[in-house]
Amino acid sequence: MTKSKGVIGFLIVLALVLVVSPVYHFGTKTTVEYQVKEKQAVGGKNSKYLVYTEDGRVFRNSDSIWELKWNSSNVYAELEAGNCYRSEAWGLRIPFLSSYQKIDQAAEIGC
């Protein structure tokens, strides 16, 4: 009986993750424009790429299963300090969790 409760509990948690995660992703998606101040690769083998903007925002550039995005290294390499970009961003900035809005791509625009 306790084994079946454990399985049911696991299935409920799995269903919540599969529903809440895409809702969070697509529900917070917005278009942002920014000027890159600097960029930084943080971490070792599985780096996350941070993009610092002139107006004080920080974005994370990383691969995303929900966007089927596997080119974060390429996007990071194309960003240049001083240039302006337009990106689709999603997520929320939560400082105490070190959570940043994530950018999925970057198109250069005039400053």
Protein backbone atom coordinates (compact mmCIF):
# COMPACT_ATOMS: atom_id res chain seq x y z
CA MET A 1 0.00 0.00 0.00
CA THR A 2 2.78 2.48 0.83
CA LYS A 3 4.54 1.55 -2.42
CA SER A 4 1.48 2.56 -4.43
CA LYS A 5 1.23 5.85 -2.48
CA GLY A 6 4.87 6.54 -3.35
CA VAL A 7 4.23 5.87 -7.03
CA ILE A 8 1.15 8.09 -7.00
CA GLY A 9 3.10 10.85 -5.22
CA PHE A 10 5.90 10.60 -7.79
CA LEU A 11 3.42 10.79 -10.67
CA ILE A 12 1.75 13.87 -9.14
CA VAL A 13 5.12 15.63 -8.75
CA LEU A 14 6.10 14.67 -12.31
CA ALA A 15 2.79 15.98 -13.68
CA LEU A 16 3.25 19.27 -11.81
CA VAL A 17 6.75 19.70 -13.22
CA LEU A 18 5.58 18.94 -16.74
CA VAL A 19 2.71 21.44 -16.45
CA VAL A 20 4.20 24.24 -14.33
CA SER A 21 7.54 24.48 -16.12
CA PRO A 22 6.16 25.24 -19.62
CA VAL A 23 3.51 27.57 -18.17
CA TYR A 24 6.26 29.47 -16.32
CA HIS A 25 8.43 29.55 -19.44
CA PHE A 26 5.83 30.76 -21.90
CA GLY A 27 3.90 32.84 -19.35
CA THR A 28 6.91 35.03 -18.55
CA LYS A 29 8.24 35.36 -22.11
CA THR A 30 8.82 38.92 -23.31
CA THR A 31 10.89 40.86 -25.86
CA VAL A 32 13.77 42.89 -24.42
CA GLU A 33 16.19 45.38 -25.93
CA TYR A 34 19.52 46.09 -24.26
CA GLN A 35 23.06 47.30 -24.74
CA VAL A 36 25.76 44.85 -23.66
CA LYS A 37 28.14 46.24 -21.05
CA GLU A 38 30.07 43.01 -20.59
CA LYS A 39 29.63 39.26 -20.70
CA GLN A 40 31.00 36.42 -18.61
CA ALA A 41 31.16 32.64 -18.74
CA VAL A 42 30.59 31.24 -15.24
CA GLY A 43 31.29 27.66 -14.27
CA GLY A 44 33.38 24.85 -15.62
CA LYS A 45 32.45 22.34 -18.27
CA ASN A 46 28.73 23.24 -18.18
CA SER A 47 29.15 26.99 -18.22
CA LYS A 48 26.33 29.43 -17.97
CA TYR A 49 26.77 32.66 -19.85
CA LEU A 50 25.86 35.93 -18.15
CA VAL A 51 25.20 39.12 -20.10
CA TYR A 52 25.46 42.41 -18.19
CA THR A 53 23.64 45.40 -19.68
CA GLU A 54 24.25 49.14 -19.52
CA ASP A 55 21.00 49.64 -17.59
CA GLY A 56 21.97 47.18 -14.83
CA ARG A 57 20.03 44.10 -15.91
CA VAL A 58 21.68 40.70 -16.09
CA PHE A 59 20.53 37.96 -18.45
CA ARG A 60 21.53 34.32 -18.64
CA ASN A 61 22.20 32.68 -21.98
CA SER A 62 21.89 28.91 -21.72
CA ASP A 63 20.58 25.93 -23.63
CA SER A 64 16.85 25.35 -23.22
CA ILE A 65 14.86 22.17 -23.68
CA TRP A 66 11.60 24.18 -23.94
CA GLU A 67 12.97 26.28 -26.80
CA LEU A 68 14.91 23.38 -28.34
CA LYS A 69 17.93 25.69 -28.11
CA TRP A 70 21.36 24.10 -28.12
CA ASN A 71 23.49 27.00 -29.40
CA SER A 72 24.11 29.11 -26.31
CA SER A 73 27.87 29.10 -26.95
CA ASN A 74 27.30 30.52 -30.43
CA VAL A 75 24.93 33.23 -29.15
CA TYR A 76 27.45 34.13 -26.45
CA ALA A 77 30.29 34.39 -28.98
CA GLU A 78 28.27 36.76 -31.20
CA LEU A 79 27.47 39.24 -28.41
CA GLU A 80 29.84 42.22 -28.28
CA ALA A 81 30.20 44.85 -25.56
CA GLY A 82 28.81 48.21 -26.66
CA ASN A 83 26.39 46.75 -29.22
CA CYS A 84 22.60 46.70 -28.82
CA TYR A 85 20.45 43.59 -29.19
CA ARG A 86 16.83 42.42 -29.15
CA SER A 87 16.07 39.09 -27.53
CA GLU A 88 13.20 36.96 -26.37
CA ALA A 89 13.62 36.60 -22.61
CA TRP A 90 11.77 34.42 -20.14
CA GLY A 91 11.83 33.77 -16.43
CA LEU A 92 12.22 36.06 -13.46
CA ARG A 93 15.19 37.67 -11.75
CA ILE A 94 15.27 36.26 -8.22
CA PRO A 95 18.50 37.53 -6.60
CA PHE A 96 18.62 35.28 -3.53
CA LEU A 97 18.27 32.22 -5.79
CA SER A 98 20.79 33.55 -8.34
CA SER A 99 18.04 33.22 -10.93
CA TYR A 100 18.19 35.40 -14.05
CA GLN A 101 15.91 36.04 -17.00
CA LYS A 102 17.13 33.81 -19.81
CA ILE A 103 17.64 34.97 -23.38
CA ASP A 104 16.98 32.50 -26.17
CA GLN A 105 18.60 34.36 -29.06
CA ALA A 106 20.05 37.81 -29.81
CA ALA A 107 19.50 39.95 -32.90
CA GLU A 108 21.73 42.98 -33.24
CA ILE A 109 19.91 46.31 -33.54
CA GLY A 110 21.16 49.87 -33.80
CA CYS A 111 21.86 51.70 -30.55
